[in-house]
Amino acid sequence: MTANPILLQKKYSRVIENFAKKQKISLDEALKFFYYSEVYQLMRDGVSDMHCMSDMYLAEELQKEYSEKQFIGENHR
């Protein structure tokens, strides 16, 4: 299923804002992370109707991915 591009852009902005608040990072940092995330790729491609999930759920998924990448980054220093 594909989403309306305008609605999808609005969804992205809400998810990024929720993620930034939860992670206590700037909107700019959250935006940069989002567009390189697996969550974004799944939403963009319509996989498993990820774009139909709630904003909070998607922000939590981003948090998990962010934490995993932070952990991996710390272990490779």
PDB file of N, CA and C in Angstrom:
ATOM      1  N   MET A   1       0.845  -1.175   0.000  1.00  0.00           N
ATOM      2  CA  MET A   1       0.000   0.000   0.000  1.00  0.00           C
ATOM      3  C   MET A   1       0.891   1.240   0.000  1.00  0.00           C
ATOM      4  N   THR A   2       0.555   2.214  -0.798  1.00  0.00           N
ATOM      5  CA  THR A   2       1.328   3.446  -0.829  1.00  0.00           C
ATOM      6  C   THR A   2       0.542   4.568  -0.173  1.00  0.00           C
ATOM      7  N   ALA A   3       1.264   5.447   0.460  1.00  0.00           N
ATOM      8  CA  ALA A   3       0.632   6.568   1.156  1.00  0.00           C
ATOM      9  C   ALA A   3       0.701   7.816   0.287  1.00  0.00           C
ATOM     10  N   ASN A   4      -0.206   8.721   0.535  1.00  0.00           N
ATOM     11  CA  ASN A   4      -0.184  10.013  -0.134  1.00  0.00           C
ATOM     12  C   ASN A   4       1.128  10.709   0.255  1.00  0.00           C
ATOM     13  N   PRO A   5       1.907  11.167  -0.724  1.00  0.00           N
ATOM     14  CA  PRO A   5       3.219  11.767  -0.417  1.00  0.00           C
ATOM     15  C   PRO A   5       3.151  12.952   0.551  1.00  0.00           C
ATOM     16  N   ILE A   6       2.137  13.771   0.439  1.00  0.00           N
ATOM     17  CA  ILE A   6       2.019  14.927   1.338  1.00  0.00           C
ATOM     18  C   ILE A   6       1.736  14.463   2.760  1.00  0.00           C
ATOM     19  N   LEU A   7       0.842  13.500   2.905  1.00  0.00           N
ATOM     20  CA  LEU A   7       0.542  12.971   4.239  1.00  0.00           C
ATOM     21  C   LEU A   7       1.755  12.268   4.839  1.00  0.00           C
ATOM     22  N   LEU A   8       2.496  11.590   3.982  1.00  0.00           N
ATOM     23  CA  LEU A   8       3.688  10.894   4.448  1.00  0.00           C
ATOM     24  C   LEU A   8       4.742  11.885   4.940  1.00  0.00           C
ATOM     25  N   GLN A   9       4.920  12.999   4.254  1.00  0.00           N
ATOM     26  CA  GLN A   9       5.865  14.023   4.692  1.00  0.00           C
ATOM     27  C   GLN A   9       5.466  14.586   6.058  1.00  0.00           C
ATOM     28  N   LYS A  10       4.171  14.796   6.258  1.00  0.00           N
ATOM     29  CA  LYS A  10       3.689  15.288   7.554  1.00  0.00           C
ATOM     30  C   LYS A  10       3.931  14.250   8.645  1.00  0.00           C
ATOM     31  N   LYS A  11       3.731  12.994   8.302  1.00  0.00           N
ATOM     32  CA  LYS A  11       3.979  11.907   9.253  1.00  0.00           C
ATOM     33  C   LYS A  11       5.456  11.894   9.642  1.00  0.00           C
ATOM     34  N   TYR A  12       6.338  12.007   8.645  1.00  0.00           N
ATOM     35  CA  TYR A  12       7.769  12.047   8.927  1.00  0.00           C
ATOM     36  C   TYR A  12       8.090  13.152   9.927  1.00  0.00           C
ATOM     37  N   SER A  13       7.549  14.337   9.709  1.00  0.00           N
ATOM     38  CA  SER A  13       7.877  15.470  10.588  1.00  0.00           C
ATOM     39  C   SER A  13       7.405  15.219  12.021  1.00  0.00           C
ATOM     40  N   ARG A  14       6.225  14.612  12.179  1.00  0.00           N
ATOM     41  CA  ARG A  14       5.737  14.316  13.535  1.00  0.00           C
ATOM     42  C   ARG A  14       6.614  13.261  14.210  1.00  0.00           C
ATOM     43  N   VAL A  15       7.001  12.249  13.467  1.00  0.00           N
ATOM     44  CA  VAL A  15       7.836  11.182  14.022  1.00  0.00           C
ATOM     45  C   VAL A  15       9.194  11.749  14.427  1.00  0.00           C
ATOM     46  N   ILE A  16       9.776  12.575  13.575  1.00  0.00           N
ATOM     47  CA  ILE A  16      11.078  13.189  13.881  1.00  0.00           C
ATOM     48  C   ILE A  16      10.982  14.056  15.126  1.00  0.00           C
ATOM     49  N   GLU A  17       9.931  14.827  15.229  1.00  0.00           N
ATOM     50  CA  GLU A  17       9.751  15.687  16.401  1.00  0.00           C
ATOM     51  C   GLU A  17       9.608  14.855  17.679  1.00  0.00           C
ATOM     52  N   ASN A  18       8.793  13.804  17.640  1.00  0.00           N
ATOM     53  CA  ASN A  18       8.630  12.930  18.811  1.00  0.00           C
ATOM     54  C   ASN A  18       9.943  12.259  19.185  1.00  0.00           C
ATOM     55  N   PHE A  19      10.671  11.799  18.190  1.00  0.00           N
ATOM     56  CA  PHE A  19      11.959  11.146  18.420  1.00  0.00           C
ATOM     57  C   PHE A  19      12.946  12.114  19.071  1.00  0.00           C
ATOM     58  N   ALA A  20      13.023  13.341  18.564  1.00  0.00           N
ATOM     59  CA  ALA A  20      13.939  14.343  19.122  1.00  0.00           C
ATOM     60  C   ALA A  20      13.613  14.624  20.587  1.00  0.00           C
ATOM     61  N   LYS A  21      12.330  14.750  20.890  1.00  0.00           N
ATOM     62  CA  LYS A  21      11.922  15.007  22.277  1.00  0.00           C
ATOM     63  C   LYS A  21      12.283  13.844  23.186  1.00  0.00           C
ATOM     64  N   LYS A  22      11.969  12.630  22.752  1.00  0.00           N
ATOM     65  CA  LYS A  22      12.242  11.449  23.576  1.00  0.00           C
ATOM     66  C   LYS A  22      13.744  11.252  23.796  1.00  0.00           C
ATOM     67  N   GLN A  23      14.530  11.510  22.753  1.00  0.00           N
ATOM     68  CA  GLN A  23      15.968  11.270  22.813  1.00  0.00           C
ATOM     69  C   GLN A  23      16.732  12.477  23.358  1.00  0.00           C
ATOM     70  N   LYS A  24      16.014  13.602  23.506  1.00  0.00           N
ATOM     71  CA  LYS A  24      16.612  14.852  23.987  1.00  0.00           C
ATOM     72  C   LYS A  24      17.782  15.286  23.094  1.00  0.00           C
ATOM     73  N   ILE A  25      17.503  15.284  21.776  1.00  0.00           N
ATOM     74  CA  ILE A  25      18.478  15.735  20.790  1.00  0.00           C
ATOM     75  C   ILE A  25      17.830  16.836  19.955  1.00  0.00           C
ATOM     76  N   SER A  26      18.626  17.550  19.206  1.00  0.00           N
ATOM     77  CA  SER A  26      18.090  18.627  18.375  1.00  0.00           C
ATOM     78  C   SER A  26      17.266  18.059  17.221  1.00  0.00           C
ATOM     79  N   LEU A  27      16.388  18.876  16.711  1.00  0.00           N
ATOM     80  CA  LEU A  27      15.595  18.461  15.551  1.00  0.00           C
ATOM     81  C   LEU A  27      16.504  18.170  14.363  1.00  0.00           C
ATOM     82  N   ASP A  28      17.565  18.945  14.224  1.00  0.00           N
ATOM     83  CA  ASP A  28      18.503  18.747  13.122  1.00  0.00           C
ATOM     84  C   ASP A  28      19.169  17.382  13.215  1.00  0.00           C
ATOM     85  N   GLU A  29      19.617  17.023  14.409  1.00  0.00           N
ATOM     86  CA  GLU A  29      20.254  15.716  14.616  1.00  0.00           C
ATOM     87  C   GLU A  29      19.242  14.588  14.385  1.00  0.00           C
ATOM     88  N   ALA A  30      18.024  14.780  14.871  1.00  0.00           N
ATOM     89  CA  ALA A  30      16.973  13.779  14.681  1.00  0.00           C
ATOM     90  C   ALA A  30      16.643  13.600  13.204  1.00  0.00           C
ATOM     91  N   LEU A  31      16.593  14.703  12.474  1.00  0.00           N
ATOM     92  CA  LEU A  31      16.309  14.663  11.040  1.00  0.00           C
ATOM     93  C   LEU A  31      17.393  13.905  10.298  1.00  0.00           C
ATOM     94  N   LYS A  32      18.641  14.214  10.610  1.00  0.00           N
ATOM     95  CA  LYS A  32      19.769  13.526   9.958  1.00  0.00           C
ATOM     96  C   LYS A  32      19.720  12.025  10.231  1.00  0.00           C
ATOM     97  N   PHE A  33      19.454  11.664  11.472  1.00  0.00           N
ATOM     98  CA  PHE A  33      19.395  10.241  11.804  1.00  0.00           C
ATOM     99  C   PHE A  33      18.229   9.568  11.090  1.00  0.00           C
ATOM    100  N   PHE A  34      17.080  10.216  11.104  1.00  0.00           N
ATOM    101  CA  PHE A  34      15.869   9.639  10.515  1.00  0.00           C
ATOM    102  C   PHE A  34      16.067   9.257   9.054  1.00  0.00           C
ATOM    103  N   TYR A  35      16.633  10.151   8.272  1.00  0.00           N
ATOM    104  CA  TYR A  35      16.740   9.888   6.841  1.00  0.00           C
ATOM    105  C   TYR A  35      17.775   8.827   6.481  1.00  0.00           C
ATOM    106  N   TYR A  36      18.568   8.390   7.431  1.00  0.00           N
ATOM    107  CA  TYR A  36      19.484   7.269   7.203  1.00  0.00           C
ATOM    108  C   TYR A  36      19.047   6.009   7.961  1.00  0.00           C
ATOM    109  N   SER A  37      17.871   6.063   8.558  1.00  0.00           N
ATOM    110  CA  SER A  37      17.409   4.953   9.395  1.00  0.00           C
ATOM    111  C   SER A  37      16.669   3.883   8.596  1.00  0.00           C
ATOM    112  N   GLU A  38      16.615   2.707   9.191  1.00  0.00           N
ATOM    113  CA  GLU A  38      15.830   1.612   8.621  1.00  0.00           C
ATOM    114  C   GLU A  38      14.339   1.932   8.712  1.00  0.00           C
ATOM    115  N   VAL A  39      13.938   2.618   9.764  1.00  0.00           N
ATOM    116  CA  VAL A  39      12.533   2.997   9.940  1.00  0.00           C
ATOM    117  C   VAL A  39      12.069   3.834   8.751  1.00  0.00           C
ATOM    118  N   TYR A  40      12.890   4.814   8.371  1.00  0.00           N
ATOM    119  CA  TYR A  40      12.539   5.656   7.221  1.00  0.00           C
ATOM    120  C   TYR A  40      12.418   4.809   5.955  1.00  0.00           C
ATOM    121  N   GLN A  41      13.367   3.932   5.737  1.00  0.00           N
ATOM    122  CA  GLN A  41      13.352   3.102   4.532  1.00  0.00           C
ATOM    123  C   GLN A  41      12.094   2.242   4.469  1.00  0.00           C
ATOM    124  N   LEU A  42      11.713   1.677   5.594  1.00  0.00           N
ATOM    125  CA  LEU A  42      10.518   0.840   5.628  1.00  0.00           C
ATOM    126  C   LEU A  42       9.256   1.665   5.389  1.00  0.00           C
ATOM    127  N   MET A  43       9.211   2.844   5.988  1.00  0.00           N
ATOM    128  CA  MET A  43       8.049   3.720   5.781  1.00  0.00           C
ATOM    129  C   MET A  43       7.965   4.165   4.327  1.00  0.00           C
ATOM    130  N   ARG A  44       9.089   4.614   3.797  1.00  0.00           N
ATOM    131  CA  ARG A  44       9.153   5.116   2.431  1.00  0.00           C
ATOM    132  C   ARG A  44       8.727   4.052   1.416  1.00  0.00           C
ATOM    133  N   ASP A  45       9.173   2.820   1.663  1.00  0.00           N
ATOM    134  CA  ASP A  45       8.896   1.731   0.732  1.00  0.00           C
ATOM    135  C   ASP A  45       7.549   1.053   0.976  1.00  0.00           C
ATOM    136  N   GLY A  46       6.853   1.446   2.038  1.00  0.00           N
ATOM    137  CA  GLY A  46       5.550   0.878   2.336  1.00  0.00           C
ATOM    138  C   GLY A  46       5.608  -0.552   2.862  1.00  0.00           C
ATOM    139  N   VAL A  47       6.766  -0.951   3.388  1.00  0.00           N
ATOM    140  CA  VAL A  47       6.936  -2.306   3.897  1.00  0.00           C
ATOM    141  C   VAL A  47       6.105  -2.489   5.162  1.00  0.00           C
ATOM    142  N   SER A  48       5.344  -3.551   5.201  1.00  0.00           N
ATOM    143  CA  SER A  48       4.501  -3.898   6.356  1.00  0.00           C
ATOM    144  C   SER A  48       3.611  -2.743   6.795  1.00  0.00           C
ATOM    145  N   ASP A  49       3.294  -1.858   5.879  1.00  0.00           N
ATOM    146  CA  ASP A  49       2.456  -0.693   6.183  1.00  0.00           C
ATOM    147  C   ASP A  49       2.979   0.081   7.389  1.00  0.00           C
ATOM    148  N   MET A  50       4.295   0.216   7.464  1.00  0.00           N
ATOM    149  CA  MET A  50       4.916   0.951   8.574  1.00  0.00           C
ATOM    150  C   MET A  50       4.354   2.364   8.692  1.00  0.00           C
ATOM    151  N   HIS A  51       4.026   2.959   7.561  1.00  0.00           N
ATOM    152  CA  HIS A  51       3.498   4.326   7.581  1.00  0.00           C
ATOM    153  C   HIS A  51       2.130   4.411   8.251  1.00  0.00           C
ATOM    154  N   CYS A  52       1.502   3.255   8.487  1.00  0.00           N
ATOM    155  CA  CYS A  52       0.194   3.223   9.158  1.00  0.00           C
ATOM    156  C   CYS A  52       0.330   3.141  10.681  1.00  0.00           C
ATOM    157  N   MET A  53       1.534   2.885  11.166  1.00  0.00           N
ATOM    158  CA  MET A  53       1.753   2.780  12.607  1.00  0.00           C
ATOM    159  C   MET A  53       1.660   4.163  13.251  1.00  0.00           C
ATOM    160  N   SER A  54       1.415   4.186  14.550  1.00  0.00           N
ATOM    161  CA  SER A  54       1.285   5.469  15.249  1.00  0.00           C
ATOM    162  C   SER A  54       2.620   6.201  15.270  1.00  0.00           C
ATOM    163  N   ASP A  55       2.545   7.509  15.408  1.00  0.00           N
ATOM    164  CA  ASP A  55       3.743   8.341  15.476  1.00  0.00           C
ATOM    165  C   ASP A  55       4.627   7.926  16.649  1.00  0.00           C
ATOM    166  N   MET A  56       4.003   7.659  17.781  1.00  0.00           N
ATOM    167  CA  MET A  56       4.763   7.280  18.976  1.00  0.00           C
ATOM    168  C   MET A  56       5.465   5.933  18.786  1.00  0.00           C
ATOM    169  N   TYR A  57       4.785   4.983  18.172  1.00  0.00           N
ATOM    170  CA  TYR A  57       5.398   3.677  17.913  1.00  0.00           C
ATOM    171  C   TYR A  57       6.634   3.850  17.032  1.00  0.00           C
ATOM    172  N   LEU A  58       6.497   4.640  15.972  1.00  0.00           N
ATOM    173  CA  LEU A  58       7.611   4.850  15.054  1.00  0.00           C
ATOM    174  C   LEU A  58       8.758   5.594  15.733  1.00  0.00           C
ATOM    175  N   ALA A  59       8.438   6.542  16.598  1.00  0.00           N
ATOM    176  CA  ALA A  59       9.476   7.253  17.354  1.00  0.00           C
ATOM    177  C   ALA A  59      10.210   6.284  18.281  1.00  0.00           C
ATOM    178  N   GLU A  60       9.481   5.358  18.883  1.00  0.00           N
ATOM    179  CA  GLU A  60      10.101   4.354  19.754  1.00  0.00           C
ATOM    180  C   GLU A  60      11.005   3.416  18.944  1.00  0.00           C
ATOM    181  N   GLU A  61      10.576   3.057  17.750  1.00  0.00           N
ATOM    182  CA  GLU A  61      11.401   2.217  16.881  1.00  0.00           C
ATOM    183  C   GLU A  61      12.689   2.952  16.503  1.00  0.00           C
ATOM    184  N   LEU A  62      12.562   4.241  16.241  1.00  0.00           N
ATOM    185  CA  LEU A  62      13.750   5.056  15.953  1.00  0.00           C
ATOM    186  C   LEU A  62      14.679   5.094  17.155  1.00  0.00           C
ATOM    187  N   GLN A  63      14.110   5.217  18.357  1.00  0.00           N
ATOM    188  CA  GLN A  63      14.917   5.223  19.584  1.00  0.00           C
ATOM    189  C   GLN A  63      15.712   3.927  19.706  1.00  0.00           C
ATOM    190  N   LYS A  64      15.055   2.809  19.439  1.00  0.00           N
ATOM    191  CA  LYS A  64      15.742   1.512  19.517  1.00  0.00           C
ATOM    192  C   LYS A  64      16.901   1.462  18.530  1.00  0.00           C
ATOM    193  N   GLU A  65      16.631   1.885  17.300  1.00  0.00           N
ATOM    194  CA  GLU A  65      17.662   1.875  16.278  1.00  0.00           C
ATOM    195  C   GLU A  65      18.809   2.823  16.653  1.00  0.00           C
ATOM    196  N   TYR A  66      18.479   3.985  17.175  1.00  0.00           N
ATOM    197  CA  TYR A  66      19.472   4.971  17.591  1.00  0.00           C
ATOM    198  C   TYR A  66      20.353   4.391  18.694  1.00  0.00           C
ATOM    199  N   SER A  67      19.732   3.769  19.678  1.00  0.00           N
ATOM    200  CA  SER A  67      20.476   3.171  20.793  1.00  0.00           C
ATOM    201  C   SER A  67      21.393   2.058  20.310  1.00  0.00           C
ATOM    202  N   GLU A  68      20.895   1.229  19.401  1.00  0.00           N
ATOM    203  CA  GLU A  68      21.708   0.136  18.860  1.00  0.00           C
ATOM    204  C   GLU A  68      22.923   0.687  18.118  1.00  0.00           C
ATOM    205  N   LYS A  69      22.714   1.717  17.331  1.00  0.00           N
ATOM    206  CA  LYS A  69      23.828   2.286  16.564  1.00  0.00           C
ATOM    207  C   LYS A  69      24.810   2.998  17.480  1.00  0.00           C
ATOM    208  N   GLN A  70      24.332   3.621  18.550  1.00  0.00           N
ATOM    209  CA  GLN A  70      25.221   4.254  19.533  1.00  0.00           C
ATOM    210  C   GLN A  70      26.063   3.190  20.216  1.00  0.00           C
ATOM    211  N   PHE A  71      25.429   2.073  20.574  1.00  0.00           N
ATOM    212  CA  PHE A  71      26.121   0.968  21.257  1.00  0.00           C
ATOM    213  C   PHE A  71      27.197   0.382  20.341  1.00  0.00           C
ATOM    214  N   ILE A  72      26.852   0.160  19.089  1.00  0.00           N
ATOM    215  CA  ILE A  72      27.802  -0.397  18.134  1.00  0.00           C
ATOM    216  C   ILE A  72      28.976   0.569  17.929  1.00  0.00           C
ATOM    217  N   GLY A  73      28.655   1.873  17.829  1.00  0.00           N
ATOM    218  CA  GLY A  73      29.689   2.878  17.658  1.00  0.00           C
ATOM    219  C   GLY A  73      30.661   2.931  18.824  1.00  0.00           C
ATOM    220  N   GLU A  74      30.145   2.768  20.030  1.00  0.00           N
ATOM    221  CA  GLU A  74      30.987   2.798  21.223  1.00  0.00           C
ATOM    222  C   GLU A  74      31.901   1.587  21.283  1.00  0.00           C
ATOM    223  N   ASN A  75      31.424   0.451  20.801  1.00  0.00           N
ATOM    224  CA  ASN A  75      32.213  -0.782  20.854  1.00  0.00           C
ATOM    225  C   ASN A  75      33.241  -0.882  19.745  1.00  0.00           C
ATOM    226  N   HIS A  76      33.199   0.013  18.776  1.00  0.00           N
ATOM    227  CA  HIS A  76      34.164  -0.023  17.683  1.00  0.00           C
ATOM    228  C   HIS A  76      35.197   1.100  17.784  1.00  0.00           C
ATOM    229  N   ARG A  77      35.317   1.698  18.924  1.00  0.00           N
ATOM    230  CA  ARG A  77      36.291   2.788  19.104  1.00  0.00           C
ATOM    231  C   ARG A  77      37.607   2.240  19.579  1.00  0.00           C
TER     232      ARG A  77
END
